[in-house]
């Protein structure tokens, strides 16, 4: 059974960093395209970053503007999101998603940016 578990969220100060991770099991991680999404209160879930099975990356530039870096470690079946220069508007629940051939979602990790 596929399982995605996000961790590494929490409280950060504006301008600070966080590095959530998405640990997976139950499927062949290396062939899946992986993504980070986020959902702020009262807003729709939005794509933050994607990394495909060949480690090519794309970003929602409007959302992250060069501040975030997505990566993956296929030996650990884990995806990461290095978030730098955090802003209060980055506050959201961050979800990881695996897709192709099936679609799986994690349960999310809360990121709060506040002084």
Protein backbone atom coordinates (compact mmCIF):
# COMPACT_ATOMS: atom_id res chain seq x y z
CA UNK A 1 0.00 0.00 0.00
CA UNK A 2 1.40 3.38 -1.00
CA UNK A 3 2.26 5.75 1.79
CA UNK A 4 3.56 9.34 1.73
CA UNK A 5 4.51 10.99 5.01
CA UNK A 6 5.46 14.67 5.16
CA UNK A 7 7.54 16.02 8.01
CA UNK A 8 9.79 18.96 8.75
CA UNK A 9 7.19 21.67 8.79
CA UNK A 10 6.68 23.92 11.78
CA UNK A 11 7.08 27.52 12.84
CA UNK A 12 9.63 29.73 11.12
CA UNK A 13 10.43 33.41 11.34
CA UNK A 14 10.14 35.63 8.27
CA UNK A 15 13.33 35.35 6.28
CA UNK A 16 14.19 32.00 7.78
CA UNK A 17 14.44 28.51 6.25
CA UNK A 18 12.59 25.22 6.56
CA UNK A 19 13.15 21.92 4.80
CA UNK A 20 10.11 19.67 4.72
CA UNK A 21 10.55 16.13 3.49
CA UNK A 22 8.22 13.52 2.02
CA UNK A 23 9.13 9.94 2.88
CA UNK A 24 7.43 7.29 0.76
CA UNK A 25 6.88 3.56 0.73
CA UNK A 26 4.76 0.96 -1.01
CA UNK A 27 5.46 1.97 -4.60
CA UNK A 28 8.42 2.36 -6.96
CA UNK A 29 9.44 5.88 -6.02
CA UNK A 30 12.09 6.24 -8.72
CA UNK A 31 9.63 6.07 -11.62
CA UNK A 32 7.14 8.52 -10.15
CA UNK A 33 6.90 12.24 -10.78
CA UNK A 34 6.73 14.03 -7.44
CA UNK A 35 5.24 17.37 -6.51
CA UNK A 36 4.76 19.73 -3.59
CA UNK A 37 1.43 21.52 -3.23
CA UNK A 38 0.22 23.89 -0.55
CA UNK A 39 -3.13 25.08 0.71
CA UNK A 40 -3.60 28.19 2.80
CA UNK A 41 -6.77 28.75 4.84
CA UNK A 42 -9.65 29.78 2.60
CA UNK A 43 -7.65 29.21 -0.59
CA UNK A 44 -7.43 26.49 -3.18
CA UNK A 45 -4.59 24.02 -3.19
CA UNK A 46 -1.82 25.20 -5.51
CA UNK A 47 1.23 23.62 -7.08
CA UNK A 48 4.52 24.80 -5.58
CA UNK A 49 7.15 22.66 -7.31
CA UNK A 50 7.49 19.48 -9.30
CA UNK A 51 10.39 17.09 -9.88
CA UNK A 52 9.99 14.35 -12.44
CA UNK A 53 11.50 10.88 -12.48
CA UNK A 54 14.58 12.27 -14.25
CA UNK A 55 14.98 14.99 -11.57
CA UNK A 56 13.93 17.79 -13.90
CA UNK A 57 12.27 20.54 -11.90
CA UNK A 58 9.57 23.12 -12.48
CA UNK A 59 8.30 25.78 -10.11
CA UNK A 60 5.30 27.98 -9.60
CA UNK A 61 7.31 31.15 -10.03
CA UNK A 62 4.47 33.33 -8.79
CA UNK A 63 4.44 31.39 -5.55
CA UNK A 64 8.10 30.82 -4.82
CA UNK A 65 10.08 33.26 -7.00
CA UNK A 66 13.40 31.42 -6.76
CA UNK A 67 13.25 30.91 -3.00
CA UNK A 68 12.41 27.20 -2.97
CA UNK A 69 14.37 24.20 -4.25
CA UNK A 70 12.82 20.78 -4.76
CA UNK A 71 15.00 17.66 -4.76
CA UNK A 72 14.71 13.90 -4.46
CA UNK A 73 16.81 11.03 -3.18
CA UNK A 74 15.75 7.86 -4.92
CA UNK A 75 17.97 5.76 -2.63
CA UNK A 76 15.88 6.96 0.31
CA UNK A 77 12.51 7.14 -1.53
CA UNK A 78 12.25 10.71 -0.27
CA UNK A 79 11.55 14.15 -1.73
CA UNK A 80 12.58 17.44 -0.13
CA UNK A 81 11.62 21.09 -0.36
CA UNK A 82 14.28 23.58 0.73
CA UNK A 83 12.42 26.77 1.54
CA UNK A 84 14.47 29.94 2.00
CA UNK A 85 13.59 33.54 2.78
CA UNK A 86 10.18 32.49 4.05
CA UNK A 87 7.35 35.00 4.06
CA UNK A 88 4.10 35.09 6.06
CA UNK A 89 2.21 34.34 2.84
CA UNK A 90 4.01 30.98 2.67
CA UNK A 91 1.93 29.87 5.65
CA UNK A 92 -0.04 26.81 4.53
CA UNK A 93 -0.35 23.06 4.79
CA UNK A 94 2.20 21.55 2.42
CA UNK A 95 1.34 18.28 0.69
CA UNK A 96 3.39 15.92 -1.41
CA UNK A 97 1.96 14.11 -4.40
CA UNK A 98 3.18 11.16 -6.43
CA UNK A 99 1.86 10.59 -9.91
CA UNK A 100 2.13 8.24 -12.86
CA UNK A 101 1.02 5.60 -13.21
CA UNK A 102 -1.11 6.12 -10.08
CA UNK A 103 -1.74 9.19 -7.92
CA UNK A 104 -0.98 9.30 -4.21
CA UNK A 105 -1.14 12.13 -1.69
CA UNK A 106 0.38 12.64 1.71
CA UNK A 107 -1.50 13.95 4.74
CA UNK A 108 0.29 17.30 4.79
CA UNK A 109 2.58 19.20 7.13
CA UNK A 110 1.80 22.64 8.55
CA UNK A 111 4.20 25.48 7.82
CA UNK A 112 3.65 28.72 9.72
CA UNK A 113 5.75 31.80 9.07
CA UNK A 114 5.37 34.38 11.79
CA UNK A 115 7.43 36.58 14.06
